[in-house]
Amino acid sequence: MRHGALEVTTYRGKPVAAYLYLSSASGAKSARTEDAGNGLRVDYDEHGAPLGIEITAPAAVTMADMNLVLDRIGAGSVSPEDWALLAAA
């Protein structure tokens, strides 16, 4: 994965939310959030650079959904191996 990290929040062993960090820049803060559809929300910094993608419904979001958003914001893509981390949670 070319992204910073994938953080998954679970409740009783099931994923209820997740966050894909697009960079490892510490201290960066979200200035605005854009609804990207299909349970995905993109956080941007004050300069308009994407910081990460919030996954509000991990069970409903597909790898294709994620890759469409990543492509739209110019952040590459998620491989099947990377996506398996979320599916395994």
Protein backbone atom coordinates (compact mmCIF):
# COMPACT_ATOMS: atom_id res chain seq x y z
CA MET A 1 0.00 0.00 0.00
CA ARG A 2 1.35 3.39 -0.92
CA HIS A 3 -0.74 5.04 1.74
CA GLY A 4 0.16 5.79 5.35
CA ALA A 5 -1.98 3.30 7.26
CA LEU A 6 -5.38 1.69 7.52
CA GLU A 7 -7.03 1.92 10.94
CA VAL A 8 -10.09 -0.24 11.61
CA THR A 9 -12.45 0.22 14.55
CA THR A 10 -14.35 -2.89 15.59
CA TYR A 11 -17.24 -3.59 17.91
CA ARG A 12 -17.77 -7.14 19.07
CA GLY A 13 -15.36 -8.35 16.42
CA LYS A 14 -17.03 -6.59 13.47
CA PRO A 15 -15.67 -3.50 11.68
CA VAL A 16 -17.85 -0.46 12.31
CA ALA A 17 -15.58 2.24 10.89
CA ALA A 18 -12.20 2.60 9.27
CA TYR A 19 -9.80 5.32 8.17
CA LEU A 20 -7.28 5.19 5.35
CA TYR A 21 -4.47 7.67 6.04
CA LEU A 22 -3.09 8.97 2.75
CA SER A 23 0.14 10.31 4.19
CA SER A 24 2.15 10.00 7.34
CA ALA A 25 2.45 13.77 7.84
CA SER A 26 2.06 14.27 11.56
CA GLY A 27 0.23 17.28 12.87
CA ALA A 28 -1.83 17.79 9.70
CA LYS A 29 -5.41 18.70 10.51
CA SER A 30 -8.56 18.39 8.50
CA ALA A 31 -9.95 21.73 7.32
CA ARG A 32 -12.89 20.28 5.40
CA THR A 33 -14.57 16.97 4.66
CA GLU A 34 -16.24 15.95 1.42
CA ASP A 35 -18.84 13.21 1.09
CA ALA A 36 -17.57 10.89 -1.64
CA GLY A 37 -20.61 8.59 -1.61
CA ASN A 38 -20.95 4.90 -0.77
CA GLY A 39 -19.97 5.42 2.87
CA LEU A 40 -16.71 7.26 2.07
CA ARG A 41 -15.71 10.74 3.22
CA VAL A 42 -12.47 12.50 2.20
CA ASP A 43 -10.65 14.81 4.62
CA TYR A 44 -8.62 17.70 3.17
CA ASP A 45 -6.07 19.98 4.80
CA GLU A 46 -6.16 23.79 4.65
CA HIS A 47 -4.37 23.74 1.28
CA GLY A 48 -6.82 21.28 -0.31
CA ALA A 49 -4.53 18.26 -0.13
CA PRO A 50 -6.30 15.00 0.76
CA LEU A 51 -5.32 13.66 4.20
CA GLY A 52 -7.36 10.50 4.43
CA ILE A 53 -10.58 8.67 3.70
CA GLU A 54 -13.10 7.87 6.37
CA ILE A 55 -14.95 4.60 5.77
CA THR A 56 -18.24 4.94 7.61
CA ALA A 57 -19.72 1.60 6.53
CA PRO A 58 -16.86 -0.89 6.06
CA ALA A 59 -19.18 -3.81 5.32
CA ALA A 60 -20.87 -1.90 2.48
CA VAL A 61 -17.81 -0.32 0.81
CA THR A 62 -16.10 -2.26 -1.96
CA MET A 63 -12.54 -2.06 -3.16
CA ALA A 64 -13.90 -0.65 -6.44
CA ASP A 65 -15.69 2.14 -4.51
CA MET A 66 -12.47 3.00 -2.69
CA ASN A 67 -10.36 2.94 -5.85
CA LEU A 68 -12.80 5.25 -7.67
CA VAL A 69 -12.41 7.82 -4.90
CA LEU A 70 -8.63 7.38 -4.70
CA ASP A 71 -8.36 7.83 -8.47
CA ARG A 72 -10.56 10.93 -8.38
CA ILE A 73 -8.33 12.60 -5.77
CA GLY A 74 -5.09 11.44 -7.43
CA ALA A 75 -4.02 9.10 -4.64
CA GLY A 76 -3.34 5.86 -6.50
CA SER A 77 -5.27 2.71 -5.66
CA VAL A 78 -5.66 -0.06 -3.11
CA SER A 79 -4.53 -3.55 -4.11
CA PRO A 80 -6.54 -6.70 -3.34
CA GLU A 81 -3.91 -7.64 -0.75
CA ASP A 82 -4.30 -4.28 1.00
CA TRP A 83 -8.09 -4.47 0.87
CA ALA A 84 -7.97 -7.91 2.47
CA LEU A 85 -6.84 -6.24 5.70
CA LEU A 86 -10.21 -4.51 6.01
CA ALA A 87 -12.15 -7.58 4.92
CA ALA A 88 -10.37 -9.68 7.57
CA ALA A 89 -11.26 -7.31 10.41
